[in-house]
């Protein structure tokens, strides 16, 4: 590190710094633009405290060199398994607006993968069903990972209607589902003994 003694040296050092930044940006741009990275749409929760939903999914996938584009179904202080969870739920109308924006820019062409997790309301989940059905009909080879977040330890985190919606309307589109024991029991009607 060199400290400039006068204004002229400061100006020269500023120019060198700008040139270096431009060169660094160009190298970074070339490296990224010459590689096509897989792009995943992730629709699930976001929490301030803890590591669930889009908070962990986005980081994990980006660290594996995937583009992960999150749509947050809720923004909460923490996940709903705690005594208190405060925050907001994304409405089905807001989801529609986000999807319309992505569609208007032809960004859906860039997605071959979708991940879904915790959904905040029945209306949001029903709107997601419509999107998923249409998207899957346009991209039959879509890889869809469904985490049917319903509850744990034999308790529901969500309205009871979610079980029927997942079982009857969503799972048919999934490439893979990742239920915990409670969720698997709710979706299959089978008691699992371990």
N, C-alpha and C. Protein backbone atom coordinates (compact mmCIF):
# COMPACT_ATOMS: atom_id res chain seq x y z
N UNK A 1 0.85 -1.18 0.00
CA UNK A 1 0.00 0.00 0.00
C UNK A 1 0.89 1.23 0.00
N UNK A 2 0.61 2.15 -0.93
CA UNK A 2 1.39 3.38 -1.02
C UNK A 2 0.48 4.56 -0.73
N UNK A 3 0.97 5.50 0.04
CA UNK A 3 0.20 6.69 0.37
C UNK A 3 0.68 7.83 -0.50
N UNK A 4 -0.23 8.51 -1.20
CA UNK A 4 0.13 9.62 -2.09
C UNK A 4 0.51 10.84 -1.27
N UNK A 5 1.54 11.54 -1.78
CA UNK A 5 2.01 12.73 -1.09
C UNK A 5 1.32 14.00 -1.58
N UNK A 6 0.78 14.00 -2.80
CA UNK A 6 0.16 15.21 -3.32
C UNK A 6 -1.03 14.86 -4.21
N UNK A 7 -1.73 15.92 -4.69
CA UNK A 7 -2.95 15.73 -5.47
C UNK A 7 -2.68 14.98 -6.78
N UNK A 8 -1.57 15.27 -7.46
CA UNK A 8 -1.26 14.61 -8.73
C UNK A 8 -1.09 13.11 -8.52
N UNK A 9 -0.39 12.72 -7.47
CA UNK A 9 -0.23 11.30 -7.20
C UNK A 9 -1.57 10.65 -6.85
N UNK A 10 -2.42 11.39 -6.15
CA UNK A 10 -3.76 10.87 -5.83
C UNK A 10 -4.54 10.62 -7.11
N UNK A 11 -4.50 11.59 -8.07
CA UNK A 11 -5.22 11.43 -9.33
C UNK A 11 -4.72 10.21 -10.10
N UNK A 12 -3.41 10.03 -10.16
CA UNK A 12 -2.82 8.88 -10.86
C UNK A 12 -3.26 7.58 -10.19
N UNK A 13 -3.19 7.55 -8.86
CA UNK A 13 -3.57 6.33 -8.14
C UNK A 13 -5.05 6.02 -8.34
N UNK A 14 -5.91 7.07 -8.38
CA UNK A 14 -7.34 6.88 -8.63
C UNK A 14 -7.56 6.27 -10.02
N UNK A 15 -6.81 6.77 -11.03
CA UNK A 15 -6.94 6.24 -12.39
C UNK A 15 -6.50 4.78 -12.44
N UNK A 16 -5.40 4.47 -11.78
CA UNK A 16 -4.91 3.08 -11.75
C UNK A 16 -5.95 2.18 -11.09
N UNK A 17 -6.56 2.66 -10.00
CA UNK A 17 -7.58 1.87 -9.32
C UNK A 17 -8.78 1.62 -10.24
N UNK A 18 -9.22 2.66 -10.97
CA UNK A 18 -10.34 2.51 -11.89
C UNK A 18 -9.99 1.51 -12.99
N UNK A 19 -8.78 1.61 -13.56
CA UNK A 19 -8.36 0.68 -14.60
C UNK A 19 -8.34 -0.74 -14.05
N UNK A 20 -7.78 -0.92 -12.85
CA UNK A 20 -7.74 -2.25 -12.24
C UNK A 20 -9.14 -2.82 -12.04
N UNK A 21 -10.05 -1.98 -11.54
CA UNK A 21 -11.43 -2.44 -11.34
C UNK A 21 -12.06 -2.84 -12.66
N UNK A 22 -11.83 -2.03 -13.71
CA UNK A 22 -12.40 -2.35 -15.02
C UNK A 22 -11.83 -3.67 -15.56
N UNK A 23 -10.54 -3.87 -15.40
CA UNK A 23 -9.92 -5.12 -15.84
C UNK A 23 -10.50 -6.28 -15.04
N UNK A 24 -10.60 -6.13 -13.73
CA UNK A 24 -11.16 -7.19 -12.89
C UNK A 24 -12.59 -7.51 -13.28
N UNK A 25 -13.39 -6.46 -13.53
CA UNK A 25 -14.78 -6.66 -13.93
C UNK A 25 -14.85 -7.38 -15.27
N UNK A 26 -13.99 -7.02 -16.20
CA UNK A 26 -13.98 -7.66 -17.52
C UNK A 26 -13.61 -9.13 -17.40
N UNK A 27 -12.61 -9.43 -16.61
CA UNK A 27 -12.21 -10.82 -16.43
C UNK A 27 -13.35 -11.60 -15.80
N UNK A 28 -13.96 -11.03 -14.78
CA UNK A 28 -15.09 -11.70 -14.13
C UNK A 28 -16.22 -11.90 -15.12
N UNK A 29 -16.53 -10.87 -15.91
CA UNK A 29 -17.62 -10.95 -16.88
C UNK A 29 -17.33 -12.05 -17.90
N UNK A 30 -16.11 -12.10 -18.41
CA UNK A 30 -15.76 -13.10 -19.42
C UNK A 30 -15.91 -14.50 -18.83
N UNK A 31 -15.41 -14.70 -17.62
CA UNK A 31 -15.50 -16.02 -17.01
C UNK A 31 -16.95 -16.47 -16.83
N UNK A 32 -17.79 -15.57 -16.33
CA UNK A 32 -19.19 -15.92 -16.09
C UNK A 32 -19.94 -16.08 -17.40
N UNK A 33 -19.73 -15.15 -18.35
CA UNK A 33 -20.51 -15.19 -19.58
C UNK A 33 -20.13 -16.36 -20.47
N UNK A 34 -18.93 -16.90 -20.31
CA UNK A 34 -18.53 -18.01 -21.16
C UNK A 34 -19.05 -19.35 -20.63
N UNK A 35 -19.67 -19.34 -19.47
CA UNK A 35 -20.20 -20.55 -18.87
C UNK A 35 -21.70 -20.40 -18.67
N UNK A 36 -22.46 -21.38 -19.10
CA UNK A 36 -23.91 -21.34 -18.86
C UNK A 36 -24.19 -22.08 -17.56
N UNK A 37 -24.62 -21.33 -16.57
CA UNK A 37 -24.90 -21.92 -15.27
C UNK A 37 -26.37 -22.32 -15.19
N UNK A 38 -26.66 -23.49 -14.60
CA UNK A 38 -28.06 -23.89 -14.43
C UNK A 38 -28.81 -22.86 -13.58
N UNK A 39 -30.08 -22.65 -13.89
CA UNK A 39 -30.89 -21.65 -13.20
C UNK A 39 -32.10 -22.35 -12.57
N UNK A 40 -32.31 -22.09 -11.29
CA UNK A 40 -33.38 -22.73 -10.52
C UNK A 40 -34.29 -21.66 -9.93
N UNK A 41 -35.60 -21.88 -10.04
CA UNK A 41 -36.58 -21.01 -9.40
C UNK A 41 -36.96 -21.67 -8.08
N UNK A 42 -36.77 -20.95 -7.00
CA UNK A 42 -37.05 -21.49 -5.67
C UNK A 42 -38.17 -20.68 -5.01
N UNK A 43 -39.29 -21.35 -4.76
CA UNK A 43 -40.45 -20.69 -4.15
C UNK A 43 -40.68 -21.29 -2.78
N UNK A 44 -40.30 -20.55 -1.75
CA UNK A 44 -40.45 -21.02 -0.38
C UNK A 44 -40.23 -19.87 0.60
N UNK A 45 -40.13 -20.18 1.86
CA UNK A 45 -40.07 -19.16 2.92
C UNK A 45 -38.72 -18.47 3.00
N UNK A 46 -38.73 -17.35 3.70
CA UNK A 46 -37.49 -16.67 4.09
C UNK A 46 -37.64 -16.29 5.56
N UNK A 47 -36.61 -16.59 6.37
CA UNK A 47 -36.63 -16.26 7.79
C UNK A 47 -35.41 -15.41 8.15
N UNK A 48 -35.58 -14.57 9.17
CA UNK A 48 -34.46 -13.78 9.67
C UNK A 48 -33.57 -14.64 10.57
N UNK A 49 -34.18 -15.37 11.49
CA UNK A 49 -33.43 -16.21 12.43
C UNK A 49 -33.53 -17.66 11.97
N UNK A 50 -32.39 -18.28 11.83
CA UNK A 50 -32.37 -19.69 11.46
C UNK A 50 -32.02 -19.87 9.99
N UNK A 51 -32.01 -21.12 9.58
CA UNK A 51 -31.60 -21.47 8.23
C UNK A 51 -32.58 -22.48 7.67
N UNK A 52 -33.63 -21.96 7.06
CA UNK A 52 -34.62 -22.77 6.37
C UNK A 52 -35.02 -22.05 5.08
N UNK A 53 -35.69 -22.75 4.21
CA UNK A 53 -36.26 -22.13 3.02
C UNK A 53 -35.24 -21.47 2.13
N UNK A 54 -35.65 -20.34 1.56
CA UNK A 54 -34.79 -19.63 0.61
C UNK A 54 -33.52 -19.10 1.23
N UNK A 55 -33.52 -18.88 2.55
CA UNK A 55 -32.30 -18.37 3.18
C UNK A 55 -31.16 -19.36 3.00
N UNK A 56 -31.43 -20.62 3.20
CA UNK A 56 -30.37 -21.62 3.06
C UNK A 56 -30.28 -22.15 1.63
N UNK A 57 -31.40 -22.28 0.95
CA UNK A 57 -31.42 -22.83 -0.40
C UNK A 57 -30.61 -21.98 -1.37
N UNK A 58 -30.82 -20.68 -1.34
CA UNK A 58 -30.12 -19.79 -2.26
C UNK A 58 -28.62 -19.89 -2.07
N UNK A 59 -28.16 -19.81 -0.84
CA UNK A 59 -26.72 -19.88 -0.56
C UNK A 59 -26.15 -21.23 -0.99
N UNK A 60 -26.82 -22.30 -0.62
CA UNK A 60 -26.31 -23.64 -0.93
C UNK A 60 -26.20 -23.86 -2.44
N UNK A 61 -27.23 -23.48 -3.17
CA UNK A 61 -27.21 -23.70 -4.62
C UNK A 61 -26.19 -22.80 -5.31
N UNK A 62 -26.08 -21.54 -4.87
CA UNK A 62 -25.10 -20.65 -5.47
C UNK A 62 -23.68 -21.12 -5.19
N UNK A 63 -23.45 -21.70 -4.02
CA UNK A 63 -22.11 -22.21 -3.71
C UNK A 63 -21.77 -23.43 -4.57
N UNK A 64 -22.79 -24.07 -5.15
CA UNK A 64 -22.59 -25.20 -6.07
C UNK A 64 -22.64 -24.75 -7.54
N UNK A 65 -22.56 -23.43 -7.75
CA UNK A 65 -22.54 -22.82 -9.07
C UNK A 65 -23.86 -22.89 -9.84
N UNK A 66 -24.95 -22.87 -9.11
CA UNK A 66 -26.26 -22.73 -9.73
C UNK A 66 -26.74 -21.30 -9.52
N UNK A 67 -27.49 -20.78 -10.48
CA UNK A 67 -28.22 -19.54 -10.24
C UNK A 67 -29.49 -19.94 -9.50
N UNK A 68 -29.76 -19.32 -8.39
CA UNK A 68 -30.98 -19.60 -7.64
C UNK A 68 -31.77 -18.31 -7.51
N UNK A 69 -32.96 -18.29 -8.11
CA UNK A 69 -33.80 -17.10 -8.09
C UNK A 69 -34.96 -17.34 -7.14
N UNK A 70 -34.94 -16.69 -5.97
CA UNK A 70 -35.96 -16.95 -4.96
C UNK A 70 -37.21 -16.10 -5.10
N UNK A 71 -38.34 -16.73 -4.85
CA UNK A 71 -39.59 -16.02 -4.58
C UNK A 71 -39.97 -16.42 -3.17
N UNK A 72 -40.08 -15.45 -2.29
CA UNK A 72 -40.37 -15.74 -0.88
C UNK A 72 -41.88 -15.84 -0.66
N UNK A 73 -42.31 -17.00 -0.16
CA UNK A 73 -43.74 -17.19 0.14
C UNK A 73 -44.13 -16.46 1.41
N UNK A 74 -43.17 -16.29 2.31
CA UNK A 74 -43.36 -15.54 3.55
C UNK A 74 -42.03 -14.89 3.91
N UNK A 75 -42.09 -13.86 4.74
CA UNK A 75 -40.90 -13.29 5.36
C UNK A 75 -41.18 -13.24 6.84
N UNK A 76 -40.54 -14.14 7.57
CA UNK A 76 -40.85 -14.29 8.99
C UNK A 76 -39.62 -14.10 9.87
N UNK A 77 -39.87 -13.83 11.14
CA UNK A 77 -38.79 -13.69 12.11
C UNK A 77 -38.03 -15.01 12.27
N UNK A 78 -38.75 -16.12 12.17
CA UNK A 78 -38.20 -17.46 12.35
C UNK A 78 -39.23 -18.44 11.79
N UNK A 79 -38.89 -19.72 11.71
CA UNK A 79 -39.88 -20.64 11.15
C UNK A 79 -41.01 -20.88 12.15
N UNK A 80 -42.11 -21.40 11.64
CA UNK A 80 -43.35 -21.47 12.42
C UNK A 80 -43.35 -22.60 13.45
N UNK A 81 -42.28 -23.34 13.55
CA UNK A 81 -42.19 -24.36 14.59
C UNK A 81 -41.91 -23.78 15.97
N UNK A 82 -41.49 -22.52 16.01
CA UNK A 82 -41.26 -21.84 17.29
C UNK A 82 -42.59 -21.36 17.87
N UNK A 83 -42.55 -21.00 19.16
CA UNK A 83 -43.74 -20.53 19.85
C UNK A 83 -44.36 -19.33 19.15
N UNK A 84 -43.54 -18.40 18.69
CA UNK A 84 -44.01 -17.18 18.03
C UNK A 84 -43.23 -16.98 16.74
N UNK A 85 -43.94 -16.66 15.67
CA UNK A 85 -43.32 -16.27 14.39
C UNK A 85 -44.05 -15.03 13.90
N UNK A 86 -43.32 -13.96 13.69
CA UNK A 86 -43.91 -12.69 13.23
C UNK A 86 -43.36 -12.35 11.85
N UNK A 87 -44.17 -11.67 11.06
CA UNK A 87 -43.73 -11.25 9.74
C UNK A 87 -44.90 -11.14 8.79
N UNK A 88 -44.64 -11.35 7.52
CA UNK A 88 -45.70 -11.20 6.52
C UNK A 88 -45.73 -12.40 5.58
N UNK A 89 -46.91 -12.60 5.01
CA UNK A 89 -47.11 -13.67 4.04
C UNK A 89 -47.33 -13.04 2.68
N UNK A 90 -46.69 -13.57 1.67
CA UNK A 90 -46.86 -13.07 0.32
C UNK A 90 -48.25 -13.49 -0.17
N UNK A 91 -48.99 -12.55 -0.72
CA UNK A 91 -50.34 -12.87 -1.20
C UNK A 91 -50.28 -13.56 -2.56
N UNK A 92 -51.38 -14.20 -2.91
CA UNK A 92 -51.45 -14.83 -4.23
C UNK A 92 -51.37 -13.77 -5.33
N UNK A 93 -51.88 -12.57 -5.07
CA UNK A 93 -51.79 -11.48 -6.05
C UNK A 93 -50.34 -11.06 -6.26
N UNK A 94 -49.58 -10.97 -5.17
CA UNK A 94 -48.16 -10.62 -5.30
C UNK A 94 -47.39 -11.71 -6.06
N UNK A 95 -47.72 -12.97 -5.78
CA UNK A 95 -47.10 -14.07 -6.52
C UNK A 95 -47.43 -13.93 -8.01
N UNK A 96 -48.68 -13.64 -8.32
CA UNK A 96 -49.09 -13.45 -9.73
C UNK A 96 -48.28 -12.34 -10.39
N UNK A 97 -48.09 -11.22 -9.69
CA UNK A 97 -47.31 -10.11 -10.25
C UNK A 97 -45.86 -10.51 -10.52
N UNK A 98 -45.25 -11.21 -9.57
CA UNK A 98 -43.87 -11.66 -9.77
C UNK A 98 -43.77 -12.60 -10.95
N UNK A 99 -44.71 -13.54 -11.05
CA UNK A 99 -44.70 -14.49 -12.16
C UNK A 99 -44.96 -13.78 -13.49
N UNK A 100 -45.85 -12.79 -13.49
CA UNK A 100 -46.11 -12.02 -14.71
C UNK A 100 -44.85 -11.29 -15.17
N UNK A 101 -44.13 -10.71 -14.22
CA UNK A 101 -42.88 -10.00 -14.55
C UNK A 101 -41.85 -10.94 -15.14
N UNK A 102 -41.70 -12.12 -14.54
CA UNK A 102 -40.76 -13.10 -15.08
C UNK A 102 -41.17 -13.54 -16.48
N UNK A 103 -42.47 -13.77 -16.66
CA UNK A 103 -42.97 -14.19 -17.96
C UNK A 103 -42.82 -13.12 -19.03
N UNK A 104 -43.10 -11.87 -18.68
CA UNK A 104 -43.02 -10.77 -19.64
C UNK A 104 -41.59 -10.58 -20.17
N UNK A 105 -40.62 -10.96 -19.38
CA UNK A 105 -39.21 -10.86 -19.79
C UNK A 105 -38.67 -12.16 -20.37
N UNK A 106 -39.54 -13.13 -20.58
CA UNK A 106 -39.15 -14.45 -21.11
C UNK A 106 -38.13 -15.16 -20.23
N UNK A 107 -38.15 -14.89 -18.94
CA UNK A 107 -37.20 -15.55 -18.04
C UNK A 107 -37.56 -17.02 -17.79
N UNK A 108 -38.81 -17.40 -18.00
CA UNK A 108 -39.18 -18.80 -17.76
C UNK A 108 -38.42 -19.74 -18.69
N UNK A 109 -37.99 -19.23 -19.83
CA UNK A 109 -37.20 -20.06 -20.75
C UNK A 109 -35.88 -20.49 -20.12
N UNK A 110 -35.43 -19.75 -19.13
CA UNK A 110 -34.13 -20.01 -18.51
C UNK A 110 -34.20 -21.07 -17.40
N UNK A 111 -35.41 -21.41 -16.97
CA UNK A 111 -35.55 -22.36 -15.86
C UNK A 111 -35.86 -23.77 -16.36
N UNK A 112 -35.08 -24.72 -15.85
CA UNK A 112 -35.39 -26.13 -16.07
C UNK A 112 -35.69 -26.84 -14.76
N UNK A 113 -35.54 -26.09 -13.66
CA UNK A 113 -35.71 -26.66 -12.33
C UNK A 113 -36.52 -25.72 -11.44
N UNK A 114 -37.38 -26.31 -10.63
CA UNK A 114 -38.13 -25.56 -9.63
C UNK A 114 -38.03 -26.31 -8.30
N UNK A 115 -37.87 -25.55 -7.25
CA UNK A 115 -37.91 -26.09 -5.89
C UNK A 115 -39.01 -25.35 -5.15
N UNK A 116 -39.82 -26.08 -4.41
CA UNK A 116 -40.80 -25.40 -3.56
C UNK A 116 -40.71 -25.95 -2.15
N UNK A 117 -41.04 -25.09 -1.20
CA UNK A 117 -41.02 -25.45 0.21
C UNK A 117 -42.23 -24.87 0.90
N UNK A 118 -42.01 -24.26 2.04
CA UNK A 118 -43.10 -23.72 2.86
C UNK A 118 -43.89 -22.66 2.10
N UNK A 119 -45.21 -22.82 2.11
CA UNK A 119 -46.12 -21.85 1.49
C UNK A 119 -46.96 -21.24 2.60
N UNK A 120 -47.20 -19.94 2.51
CA UNK A 120 -47.82 -19.24 3.63
C UNK A 120 -49.32 -19.34 3.75
N UNK A 121 -50.04 -19.37 2.62
CA UNK A 121 -51.50 -19.37 2.68
C UNK A 121 -52.07 -20.34 1.65
N UNK A 122 -53.32 -20.72 1.86
CA UNK A 122 -54.00 -21.60 0.91
C UNK A 122 -54.09 -20.94 -0.45
N UNK A 123 -54.39 -19.64 -0.50
CA UNK A 123 -54.51 -18.92 -1.76
C UNK A 123 -53.17 -18.89 -2.52
N UNK A 124 -52.08 -18.68 -1.80
CA UNK A 124 -50.75 -18.69 -2.41
C UNK A 124 -50.47 -20.07 -2.99
N UNK A 125 -50.77 -21.10 -2.22
CA UNK A 125 -50.53 -22.47 -2.67
C UNK A 125 -51.36 -22.80 -3.90
N UNK A 126 -52.62 -22.38 -3.92
CA UNK A 126 -53.49 -22.63 -5.08
C UNK A 126 -52.97 -21.88 -6.31
N UNK A 127 -52.46 -20.66 -6.13
CA UNK A 127 -51.89 -19.92 -7.26
C UNK A 127 -50.64 -20.61 -7.77
N UNK A 128 -49.85 -21.16 -6.85
CA UNK A 128 -48.65 -21.91 -7.23
C UNK A 128 -49.04 -23.14 -8.06
N UNK A 129 -50.12 -23.81 -7.69
CA UNK A 129 -50.60 -24.98 -8.44
C UNK A 129 -50.87 -24.60 -9.90
N UNK A 130 -51.55 -23.47 -10.12
CA UNK A 130 -51.85 -23.02 -11.48
C UNK A 130 -50.57 -22.76 -12.27
N UNK A 131 -49.62 -22.09 -11.63
CA UNK A 131 -48.33 -21.81 -12.27
C UNK A 131 -47.61 -23.11 -12.61
N UNK A 132 -47.55 -24.02 -11.66
CA UNK A 132 -46.83 -25.27 -11.84
C UNK A 132 -47.44 -26.09 -12.99
N UNK A 133 -48.76 -26.17 -13.02
CA UNK A 133 -49.46 -26.92 -14.07
C UNK A 133 -49.12 -26.34 -15.45
N UNK A 134 -49.19 -25.03 -15.59
CA UNK A 134 -48.89 -24.38 -16.87
C UNK A 134 -47.42 -24.54 -17.24
N UNK A 135 -46.55 -24.34 -16.27
CA UNK A 135 -45.11 -24.43 -16.53
C UNK A 135 -44.73 -25.83 -16.96
N UNK A 136 -45.28 -26.82 -16.28
CA UNK A 136 -44.98 -28.23 -16.60
C UNK A 136 -45.52 -28.60 -17.98
N UNK A 137 -46.67 -28.04 -18.38
CA UNK A 137 -47.20 -28.35 -19.71
C UNK A 137 -46.31 -27.73 -20.80
N UNK A 138 -45.67 -26.61 -20.52
CA UNK A 138 -44.76 -25.98 -21.48
C UNK A 138 -43.36 -26.59 -21.45
N UNK A 139 -42.99 -27.18 -20.32
CA UNK A 139 -41.67 -27.80 -20.16
C UNK A 139 -41.85 -29.18 -19.53
N UNK A 140 -42.21 -30.18 -20.32
CA UNK A 140 -42.49 -31.50 -19.75
C UNK A 140 -41.29 -32.13 -19.03
N UNK A 141 -40.07 -31.71 -19.40
CA UNK A 141 -38.87 -32.27 -18.75
C UNK A 141 -38.44 -31.50 -17.52
N UNK A 142 -39.32 -30.62 -17.05
CA UNK A 142 -39.03 -29.84 -15.86
C UNK A 142 -38.69 -30.75 -14.68
N UNK A 143 -37.61 -30.42 -13.99
CA UNK A 143 -37.26 -31.13 -12.76
C UNK A 143 -37.86 -30.32 -11.61
N UNK A 144 -38.78 -30.93 -10.90
CA UNK A 144 -39.46 -30.23 -9.82
C UNK A 144 -39.23 -30.98 -8.51
N UNK A 145 -38.56 -30.32 -7.57
CA UNK A 145 -38.32 -30.86 -6.23
C UNK A 145 -39.32 -30.22 -5.27
N UNK A 146 -40.20 -31.04 -4.75
CA UNK A 146 -41.27 -30.57 -3.86
C UNK A 146 -41.00 -30.97 -2.42
N UNK A 147 -40.82 -29.98 -1.58
CA UNK A 147 -40.77 -30.23 -0.14
C UNK A 147 -42.13 -29.84 0.41
N UNK A 148 -43.00 -30.80 0.64
CA UNK A 148 -44.37 -30.49 1.08
C UNK A 148 -44.41 -30.14 2.56
N UNK A 149 -44.00 -28.94 2.88
CA UNK A 149 -43.90 -28.53 4.28
C UNK A 149 -45.30 -28.41 4.86
N UNK A 150 -45.61 -29.35 5.73
CA UNK A 150 -46.93 -29.41 6.36
C UNK A 150 -46.84 -29.33 7.88
N UNK A 151 -45.84 -30.00 8.45
CA UNK A 151 -45.70 -30.03 9.89
C UNK A 151 -44.63 -31.01 10.31
N UNK A 152 -44.61 -31.31 11.59
CA UNK A 152 -43.61 -32.22 12.15
C UNK A 152 -44.12 -32.74 13.49
N UNK A 153 -43.61 -33.86 13.92
CA UNK A 153 -44.00 -34.44 15.21
C UNK A 153 -45.51 -34.55 15.34
N UNK A 154 -46.16 -34.98 14.26
CA UNK A 154 -47.62 -35.19 14.21
C UNK A 154 -48.43 -33.90 14.38
N UNK A 155 -47.80 -32.74 14.19
CA UNK A 155 -48.51 -31.45 14.27
C UNK A 155 -48.38 -30.70 12.96
N UNK A 156 -49.48 -30.06 12.54
CA UNK A 156 -49.46 -29.25 11.32
C UNK A 156 -48.95 -27.84 11.59
N UNK A 157 -48.15 -27.31 10.66
CA UNK A 157 -47.73 -25.90 10.70
C UNK A 157 -48.67 -25.05 9.84
N UNK A 158 -49.48 -25.70 9.03
CA UNK A 158 -50.25 -25.04 7.97
C UNK A 158 -51.72 -25.44 8.07
N UNK A 159 -52.60 -24.76 7.33
CA UNK A 159 -54.01 -25.18 7.32
C UNK A 159 -54.18 -26.61 6.79
N UNK A 160 -55.18 -27.32 7.28
CA UNK A 160 -55.42 -28.72 6.88
C UNK A 160 -55.61 -28.89 5.38
N UNK A 161 -56.15 -27.87 4.71
CA UNK A 161 -56.39 -27.96 3.26
C UNK A 161 -55.10 -28.21 2.49
N UNK A 162 -53.97 -27.83 3.05
CA UNK A 162 -52.69 -28.04 2.36
C UNK A 162 -52.46 -29.52 2.05
N UNK A 163 -52.84 -30.38 2.95
CA UNK A 163 -52.63 -31.83 2.75
C UNK A 163 -53.33 -32.27 1.47
N UNK A 164 -54.57 -31.89 1.32
CA UNK A 164 -55.35 -32.27 0.13
C UNK A 164 -54.77 -31.63 -1.13
N UNK A 165 -54.39 -30.37 -1.05
CA UNK A 165 -53.83 -29.68 -2.22
C UNK A 165 -52.54 -30.36 -2.67
N UNK A 166 -51.65 -30.64 -1.73
CA UNK A 166 -50.40 -31.32 -2.10
C UNK A 166 -50.69 -32.70 -2.67
N UNK A 167 -51.52 -33.47 -1.97
CA UNK A 167 -51.78 -34.85 -2.38
C UNK A 167 -52.48 -34.91 -3.74
N UNK A 168 -53.49 -34.06 -3.95
CA UNK A 168 -54.32 -34.17 -5.14
C UNK A 168 -53.90 -33.29 -6.31
N UNK A 169 -53.13 -32.23 -6.05
CA UNK A 169 -52.86 -31.28 -7.12
C UNK A 169 -51.38 -31.03 -7.40
N UNK A 170 -50.50 -31.30 -6.46
CA UNK A 170 -49.10 -30.91 -6.64
C UNK A 170 -48.17 -32.08 -6.87
N UNK A 171 -48.29 -33.10 -6.06
CA UNK A 171 -47.33 -34.20 -6.10
C UNK A 171 -47.23 -34.85 -7.47
N UNK A 172 -48.31 -34.85 -8.22
CA UNK A 172 -48.29 -35.45 -9.57
C UNK A 172 -47.27 -34.78 -10.49
N UNK A 173 -46.89 -33.53 -10.21
CA UNK A 173 -45.92 -32.82 -11.04
C UNK A 173 -44.48 -32.96 -10.55
N UNK A 174 -44.31 -33.53 -9.38
CA UNK A 174 -42.98 -33.59 -8.76
C UNK A 174 -42.11 -34.68 -9.35
N UNK A 175 -40.85 -34.34 -9.54
CA UNK A 175 -39.84 -35.32 -9.91
C UNK A 175 -39.40 -36.05 -8.65
N UNK A 176 -39.31 -35.29 -7.58
CA UNK A 176 -38.92 -35.84 -6.28
C UNK A 176 -39.67 -35.08 -5.20
N UNK A 177 -40.06 -35.80 -4.14
CA UNK A 177 -40.64 -35.13 -2.98
C UNK A 177 -39.78 -35.46 -1.76
N UNK A 178 -39.75 -34.52 -0.82
CA UNK A 178 -38.88 -34.69 0.35
C UNK A 178 -39.65 -34.49 1.65
N UNK A 179 -40.67 -35.31 1.90
CA UNK A 179 -41.43 -35.15 3.14
C UNK A 179 -40.68 -35.71 4.34
N UNK A 180 -40.95 -35.14 5.51
CA UNK A 180 -40.49 -35.79 6.74
C UNK A 180 -41.51 -36.88 7.10
N UNK A 181 -41.35 -37.55 8.21
CA UNK A 181 -42.24 -38.66 8.55
C UNK A 181 -43.69 -38.21 8.69
N UNK A 182 -43.92 -37.13 9.40
CA UNK A 182 -45.29 -36.62 9.58
C UNK A 182 -45.93 -36.32 8.24
N UNK A 183 -45.20 -35.64 7.39
CA UNK A 183 -45.72 -35.26 6.08
C UNK A 183 -45.99 -36.48 5.21
N UNK A 184 -45.08 -37.46 5.25
CA UNK A 184 -45.29 -38.70 4.48
C UNK A 184 -46.54 -39.43 4.96
N UNK A 185 -46.75 -39.47 6.25
CA UNK A 185 -47.94 -40.12 6.80
C UNK A 185 -49.21 -39.39 6.38
N UNK A 186 -49.20 -38.05 6.44
CA UNK A 186 -50.37 -37.26 6.06
C UNK A 186 -50.70 -37.43 4.57
N UNK A 187 -49.67 -37.46 3.73
CA UNK A 187 -49.89 -37.54 2.29
C UNK A 187 -50.28 -38.94 1.82
N UNK A 188 -49.84 -39.97 2.52
CA UNK A 188 -50.13 -41.34 2.09
C UNK A 188 -51.28 -41.98 2.88
N UNK A 189 -51.55 -41.44 4.07
CA UNK A 189 -52.55 -42.06 4.93
C UNK A 189 -52.03 -43.32 5.61
N UNK A 190 -50.73 -43.53 5.56
CA UNK A 190 -50.09 -44.71 6.14
C UNK A 190 -49.30 -44.30 7.37
N UNK A 191 -49.45 -45.03 8.49
CA UNK A 191 -48.65 -44.78 9.68
C UNK A 191 -47.29 -45.44 9.49
N UNK A 192 -46.25 -44.66 9.70
CA UNK A 192 -44.88 -45.19 9.55
C UNK A 192 -44.34 -45.49 10.93
N UNK A 193 -43.91 -46.73 11.12
CA UNK A 193 -43.33 -47.14 12.40
C UNK A 193 -41.85 -47.34 12.21
N UNK A 194 -41.07 -46.63 13.05
CA UNK A 194 -39.61 -46.77 12.92
C UNK A 194 -39.03 -47.38 14.16
